[in-house]
Amino acid sequence: MSESIIVALIAGAASIGGAGIGAYFSNRKSSALITYRLEQLEKKVDKHNSVVERTYALEQQQAVQEERLDVANHRIADLEAITGHMATDK
């Protein structure tokens, strides 16, 4: 009877160990997939942030150009007022 108990304990330990090993490899594979997906997501976020930074710089440059255009238009209007000429739209 003690032999059957020992055999049962060994069989039980092997089945628990087998399940543990299977779970370990399954978790390892899932972890590797999650790590890969996170790396891909980080790359996409970096690209997005780069686009946002470039867009902000372009918006700043556009604002400067618009300000320069406004100043130039005011200067032209002042010169026309001084000389008595009015601009005509063609």
C-alpha atoms as a PDB file:
ATOM      1  CA  MET A   1       0.000   0.000   0.000  1.00  0.00           C
ATOM      2  CA  SER A   2       2.837   2.366   0.647  1.00  0.00           C
ATOM      3  CA  GLU A   3       4.109   1.737  -2.879  1.00  0.00           C
ATOM      4  CA  SER A   4       0.790   2.809  -4.347  1.00  0.00           C
ATOM      5  CA  ILE A   5       0.812   5.952  -2.210  1.00  0.00           C
ATOM      6  CA  ILE A   6       4.342   6.780  -3.343  1.00  0.00           C
ATOM      7  CA  VAL A   7       3.404   6.152  -6.987  1.00  0.00           C
ATOM      8  CA  ALA A   8       0.299   8.321  -6.573  1.00  0.00           C
ATOM      9  CA  LEU A   9       2.336  11.122  -5.001  1.00  0.00           C
ATOM     10  CA  ILE A  10       4.919  10.962  -7.781  1.00  0.00           C
ATOM     11  CA  ALA A  11       2.202  10.959 -10.430  1.00  0.00           C
ATOM     12  CA  GLY A  12       0.454  13.894  -8.741  1.00  0.00           C
ATOM     13  CA  ALA A  13       3.703  15.833  -8.459  1.00  0.00           C
ATOM     14  CA  ALA A  14       4.485  15.164 -12.117  1.00  0.00           C
ATOM     15  CA  SER A  15       1.053  16.337 -13.243  1.00  0.00           C
ATOM     16  CA  ILE A  16       1.275  19.492 -11.116  1.00  0.00           C
ATOM     17  CA  GLY A  17       4.828  20.102 -12.312  1.00  0.00           C
ATOM     18  CA  GLY A  18       3.799  19.525 -15.923  1.00  0.00           C
ATOM     19  CA  ALA A  19       0.988  22.021 -15.594  1.00  0.00           C
ATOM     20  CA  GLY A  20       3.391  24.472 -13.979  1.00  0.00           C
ATOM     21  CA  ILE A  21       5.913  24.055 -16.757  1.00  0.00           C
ATOM     22  CA  GLY A  22       3.208  24.499 -19.414  1.00  0.00           C
ATOM     23  CA  ALA A  23       1.928  27.621 -17.675  1.00  0.00           C
ATOM     24  CA  TYR A  24       5.480  28.963 -17.399  1.00  0.00           C
ATOM     25  CA  PHE A  25       6.144  28.604 -21.129  1.00  0.00           C
ATOM     26  CA  SER A  26       2.720  29.990 -21.975  1.00  0.00           C
ATOM     27  CA  ASN A  27       3.322  33.030 -19.764  1.00  0.00           C
ATOM     28  CA  ARG A  28       6.795  33.466 -21.208  1.00  0.00           C
ATOM     29  CA  LYS A  29       5.404  33.495 -24.748  1.00  0.00           C
ATOM     30  CA  SER A  30       2.663  35.946 -23.776  1.00  0.00           C
ATOM     31  CA  SER A  31       5.189  38.160 -22.029  1.00  0.00           C
ATOM     32  CA  ALA A  32       7.422  38.200 -25.102  1.00  0.00           C
ATOM     33  CA  LEU A  33       4.444  39.146 -27.284  1.00  0.00           C
ATOM     34  CA  ILE A  34       3.416  41.933 -24.917  1.00  0.00           C
ATOM     35  CA  THR A  35       6.985  43.242 -24.864  1.00  0.00           C
ATOM     36  CA  TYR A  36       7.104  43.249 -28.668  1.00  0.00           C
ATOM     37  CA  ARG A  37       3.755  45.030 -28.936  1.00  0.00           C
ATOM     38  CA  LEU A  38       4.853  47.657 -26.410  1.00  0.00           C
ATOM     39  CA  GLU A  39       8.033  48.314 -28.386  1.00  0.00           C
ATOM     40  CA  GLN A  40       5.991  48.775 -31.561  1.00  0.00           C
ATOM     41  CA  LEU A  41       3.610  51.106 -29.760  1.00  0.00           C
ATOM     42  CA  GLU A  42       6.529  53.141 -28.396  1.00  0.00           C
ATOM     43  CA  LYS A  43       7.853  53.564 -31.943  1.00  0.00           C
ATOM     44  CA  LYS A  44       4.463  54.808 -33.113  1.00  0.00           C
ATOM     45  CA  VAL A  45       4.231  57.238 -30.194  1.00  0.00           C
ATOM     46  CA  ASP A  46       7.717  58.557 -30.999  1.00  0.00           C
ATOM     47  CA  LYS A  47       6.682  59.152 -34.616  1.00  0.00           C
ATOM     48  CA  HIS A  48       3.498  60.892 -33.469  1.00  0.00           C
ATOM     49  CA  ASN A  49       5.406  63.118 -31.058  1.00  0.00           C
ATOM     50  CA  SER A  50       7.837  64.022 -33.828  1.00  0.00           C
ATOM     51  CA  VAL A  51       4.955  65.035 -36.080  1.00  0.00           C
ATOM     52  CA  VAL A  52       3.406  67.124 -33.307  1.00  0.00           C
ATOM     53  CA  GLU A  53       6.715  68.908 -32.666  1.00  0.00           C
ATOM     54  CA  ARG A  54       7.237  69.616 -36.375  1.00  0.00           C
ATOM     55  CA  THR A  55       3.643  70.849 -36.725  1.00  0.00           C
ATOM     56  CA  TYR A  56       4.123  73.211 -33.780  1.00  0.00           C
ATOM     57  CA  ALA A  57       7.308  74.593 -35.356  1.00  0.00           C
ATOM     58  CA  LEU A  58       5.506  75.110 -38.678  1.00  0.00           C
ATOM     59  CA  GLU A  59       2.646  76.890 -36.944  1.00  0.00           C
ATOM     60  CA  GLN A  60       5.112  79.213 -35.239  1.00  0.00           C
ATOM     61  CA  GLN A  61       6.817  79.971 -38.558  1.00  0.00           C
ATOM     62  CA  GLN A  62       3.451  80.624 -40.188  1.00  0.00           C
ATOM     63  CA  ALA A  63       2.506  83.046 -37.414  1.00  0.00           C
ATOM     64  CA  VAL A  64       5.780  84.942 -37.922  1.00  0.00           C
ATOM     65  CA  GLN A  65       5.181  85.121 -41.698  1.00  0.00           C
ATOM     66  CA  GLU A  66       1.621  86.359 -41.173  1.00  0.00           C
ATOM     67  CA  GLU A  67       2.903  89.055 -38.814  1.00  0.00           C
ATOM     68  CA  ARG A  68       5.508  90.116 -41.383  1.00  0.00           C
ATOM     69  CA  LEU A  69       2.836  90.274 -44.070  1.00  0.00           C
ATOM     70  CA  ASP A  70       0.613  92.419 -41.850  1.00  0.00           C
ATOM     71  CA  VAL A  71       3.512  94.787 -41.146  1.00  0.00           C
ATOM     72  CA  ALA A  72       4.334  95.026 -44.860  1.00  0.00           C
ATOM     73  CA  ASN A  73       0.682  95.753 -45.694  1.00  0.00           C
ATOM     74  CA  HIS A  74       0.568  98.519 -43.067  1.00  0.00           C
ATOM     75  CA  ARG A  75       3.761 100.043 -44.443  1.00  0.00           C
ATOM     76  CA  ILE A  76       2.337  99.996 -47.976  1.00  0.00           C
ATOM     77  CA  ALA A  77      -0.894 101.587 -46.746  1.00  0.00           C
ATOM     78  CA  ASP A  78       1.071 104.287 -44.907  1.00  0.00           C
ATOM     79  CA  LEU A  79       3.181 105.020 -47.976  1.00  0.00           C
ATOM     80  CA  GLU A  80       0.087 105.226 -50.163  1.00  0.00           C
ATOM     81  CA  ALA A  81      -1.531 107.595 -47.694  1.00  0.00           C
ATOM     82  CA  ILE A  82       1.558 109.804 -47.667  1.00  0.00           C
ATOM     83  CA  THR A  83       1.873 109.947 -51.449  1.00  0.00           C
ATOM     84  CA  GLY A  84      -1.887 110.231 -52.037  1.00  0.00           C
ATOM     85  CA  HIS A  85      -2.101 107.097 -54.101  1.00  0.00           C
ATOM     86  CA  MET A  86      -4.571 104.388 -53.399  1.00  0.00           C
ATOM     87  CA  ALA A  87      -3.999 100.798 -54.274  1.00  0.00           C
ATOM     88  CA  THR A  88      -6.362  99.330 -56.777  1.00  0.00           C
ATOM     89  CA  ASP A  89      -7.304  95.689 -56.992  1.00  0.00           C
ATOM     90  CA  LYS A  90      -6.900  94.271 -60.448  1.00  0.00           C
END
